[in-house]
């Protein structure tokens, strides 16, 4: 049990007083997978329905990222007496990505609706 220690939650691990206490490589892998999936999804502009499905899947993976990060966070907080807890600002990037994914899903769906309406006119 740690008394009055400083805990820093970063992308590559949980550091206690500057030393790596717990590795969070799984979070880094999840983040890399979501990034690669997002880049791959951009180039599927001809298959909009597949693009929507992959974007929804990517959003679900990012929600899983936060669930897993929350599990690790509360595991550390409940097991130790902590004086200060600092979370690196990069931990909020997936939250921004979730919002951007939701906006992308809406616009891709609007494009698909526009294409379908124009093909009815032919």
Foldseek 3Di string as FASTA:
>chain_A
DDAAWEWEAEQQAIDTNRHGDGGPVVLVVLVVVLVVLVVVLVVVLVPLVVSLVSLVVSLVSLVVSVVVVVVVVVVVPVVDHYNYYHYDPVNCVSVVVNVVSVVVSVVSVVVVVVVVVVVVVD
